[in-house]
C-alpha atoms as a PDB file:
ATOM      1  CA  MET A   1     100.088 100.466 129.574  1.00  0.00           C
ATOM      2  CA  LYS A   2      97.547  97.455 129.231  1.00  0.00           C
ATOM      3  CA  ILE A   3      94.355  98.088 128.490  1.00  0.00           C
ATOM      4  CA  GLY A   4      92.841  94.388 128.122  1.00  0.00           C
ATOM      5  CA  LEU A   5      92.674  94.377 124.517  1.00  0.00           C
ATOM      6  CA  GLU A   6      94.007  91.599 122.622  1.00  0.00           C
ATOM      7  CA  VAL A   7      96.217  92.355 120.139  1.00  0.00           C
ATOM      8  CA  PRO A   8      96.575  90.292 116.482  1.00  0.00           C
ATOM      9  CA  LYS A   9      99.592  88.000 116.853  1.00  0.00           C
ATOM     10  CA  GLY A  10     102.489  88.670 114.136  1.00  0.00           C
ATOM     11  CA  VAL A  11     106.028  87.891 113.311  1.00  0.00           C
ATOM     12  CA  THR A  12     108.570  89.810 110.698  1.00  0.00           C
ATOM     13  CA  LEU A  13     110.806  87.467 108.701  1.00  0.00           C
ATOM     14  CA  LYS A  14     113.370  88.349 106.201  1.00  0.00           C
ATOM     15  CA  GLY A  15     113.045  85.446 103.407  1.00  0.00           C
ATOM     16  CA  GLU A  16     115.797  84.714 101.195  1.00  0.00           C
ATOM     17  CA  LEU A  17     114.133  84.272  96.874  1.00  0.00           C
ATOM     18  CA  ARG A  18     116.201  81.707  94.829  1.00  0.00           C
ATOM     19  CA  HIS A  19     115.664  81.322  91.500  1.00  0.00           C
ATOM     20  CA  ARG A  20     113.529  78.404  91.236  1.00  0.00           C
ATOM     21  CA  LYS A  21     114.590  74.885  88.821  1.00  0.00           C
ATOM     22  CA  ASP A  22     112.228  72.690  87.410  1.00  0.00           C
ATOM     23  CA  ALA A  23     112.843  68.803  87.796  1.00  0.00           C
ATOM     24  CA  ALA A  24     115.517  68.688  86.117  1.00  0.00           C
ATOM     25  CA  GLY A  25     117.323  71.523  87.316  1.00  0.00           C
ATOM     26  CA  ASN A  26     116.861  73.949  85.259  1.00  0.00           C
ATOM     27  CA  PHE A  27     116.383  77.352  86.078  1.00  0.00           C
ATOM     28  CA  LEU A  28     112.527  78.771  85.027  1.00  0.00           C
ATOM     29  CA  TYR A  29     111.554  81.436  83.385  1.00  0.00           C
ATOM     30  CA  ASP A  30     108.107  83.255  83.008  1.00  0.00           C
ATOM     31  CA  ASP A  31     106.770  84.510  79.945  1.00  0.00           C
ATOM     32  CA  GLN A  32     108.533  87.653  79.693  1.00  0.00           C
ATOM     33  CA  ASN A  33     111.954  85.534  80.375  1.00  0.00           C
ATOM     34  CA  ASN A  34     111.994  86.747  83.950  1.00  0.00           C
ATOM     35  CA  PRO A  35     113.534  84.663  86.354  1.00  0.00           C
ATOM     36  CA  VAL A  36     110.793  82.412  88.658  1.00  0.00           C
ATOM     37  CA  MET A  37     111.892  83.081  92.107  1.00  0.00           C
ATOM     38  CA  GLY A  38     110.567  81.238  95.320  1.00  0.00           C
ATOM     39  CA  LEU A  39     111.278  80.807  99.153  1.00  0.00           C
ATOM     40  CA  ALA A  40     114.905  78.625 100.064  1.00  0.00           C
ATOM     41  CA  PRO A  41     113.575  75.941 102.094  1.00  0.00           C
ATOM     42  CA  GLU A  42     115.261  77.670 105.360  1.00  0.00           C
ATOM     43  CA  SER A  43     112.598  80.763 104.458  1.00  0.00           C
ATOM     44  CA  GLN A  44     109.731  78.484 103.760  1.00  0.00           C
ATOM     45  CA  THR A  45     110.689  76.485 107.271  1.00  0.00           C
ATOM     46  CA  ARG A  46     111.135  79.651 108.661  1.00  0.00           C
ATOM     47  CA  ALA A  47     107.393  80.480 107.496  1.00  0.00           C
ATOM     48  CA  LYS A  48     105.646  77.578 108.293  1.00  0.00           C
ATOM     49  CA  GLU A  49     106.778  77.954 111.854  1.00  0.00           C
ATOM     50  CA  ALA A  50     105.305  81.429 111.737  1.00  0.00           C
ATOM     51  CA  LEU A  51     102.217  80.586 110.011  1.00  0.00           C
ATOM     52  CA  ALA A  52     101.861  77.963 113.615  1.00  0.00           C
ATOM     53  CA  LEU A  53     102.057  80.767 115.894  1.00  0.00           C
ATOM     54  CA  VAL A  54      99.874  83.411 113.867  1.00  0.00           C
ATOM     55  CA  GLY A  55      97.019  80.886 112.739  1.00  0.00           C
ATOM     56  CA  LEU A  56      94.720  81.638 109.998  1.00  0.00           C
ATOM     57  CA  PRO A  57      94.005  83.834 108.571  1.00  0.00           C
ATOM     58  CA  ALA A  58      96.853  86.284 108.032  1.00  0.00           C
ATOM     59  CA  VAL A  59      97.832  88.783 105.954  1.00  0.00           C
ATOM     60  CA  ILE A  60     101.138  87.874 103.856  1.00  0.00           C
ATOM     61  CA  ARG A  61     102.672  90.943 102.207  1.00  0.00           C
ATOM     62  CA  ALA A  62     105.855  91.251 100.030  1.00  0.00           C
ATOM     63  CA  ARG A  63     108.325  94.060 101.732  1.00  0.00           C
ATOM     64  CA  ALA A  64     109.111  95.220  98.832  1.00  0.00           C
ATOM     65  CA  SER A  65     108.741  94.926  95.021  1.00  0.00           C
ATOM     66  CA  ARG A  66     109.923  96.167  91.462  1.00  0.00           C
ATOM     67  CA  SER A  67     105.967  96.672  90.536  1.00  0.00           C
ATOM     68  CA  ALA A  68     103.974  99.516  91.798  1.00  0.00           C
ATOM     69  CA  ALA A  69     101.358  97.163  92.356  1.00  0.00           C
ATOM     70  CA  PRO A  70     100.562  96.127  95.530  1.00  0.00           C
ATOM     71  CA  ARG A  71     101.901  92.297  96.904  1.00  0.00           C
ATOM     72  CA  GLY A  72     100.669  89.725  99.044  1.00  0.00           C
ATOM     73  CA  GLY A  73      97.010  89.357 100.249  1.00  0.00           C
ATOM     74  CA  ILE A  74      95.115  87.339 102.951  1.00  0.00           C
ATOM     75  CA  ALA A  75      95.241  83.751 103.446  1.00  0.00           C
ATOM     76  CA  TYR A  76      92.183  81.870 104.687  1.00  0.00           C
ATOM     77  CA  ASN A  77      94.143  77.944 104.305  1.00  0.00           C
ATOM     78  CA  ARG A  78      97.394  76.504 103.620  1.00  0.00           C
ATOM     79  CA  ARG A  79      96.419  75.605 100.036  1.00  0.00           C
ATOM     80  CA  GLY A  80      98.833  78.312  97.455  1.00  0.00           C
ATOM     81  CA  ILE A  81     100.988  79.932 100.501  1.00  0.00           C
ATOM     82  CA  LEU A  82     104.181  77.105 101.255  1.00  0.00           C
END
């Protein structure tokens, strides 16, 4: 049933994370020797397409994380997102 209210656009993506490398091809690790992860190139492409559809501001959140702290936030511009 439609009642005439607009609903925010949304997209659910399943992104693939990969262990990031530096310019020389060496794997990157953080201060605690945990691997630094980043979106795979094909996942970045899908994320950019979703952002074009949804627009800004956009709520971006991870499905799950190993820590108890909530992950994600609100993106008001493209800087730092992708």
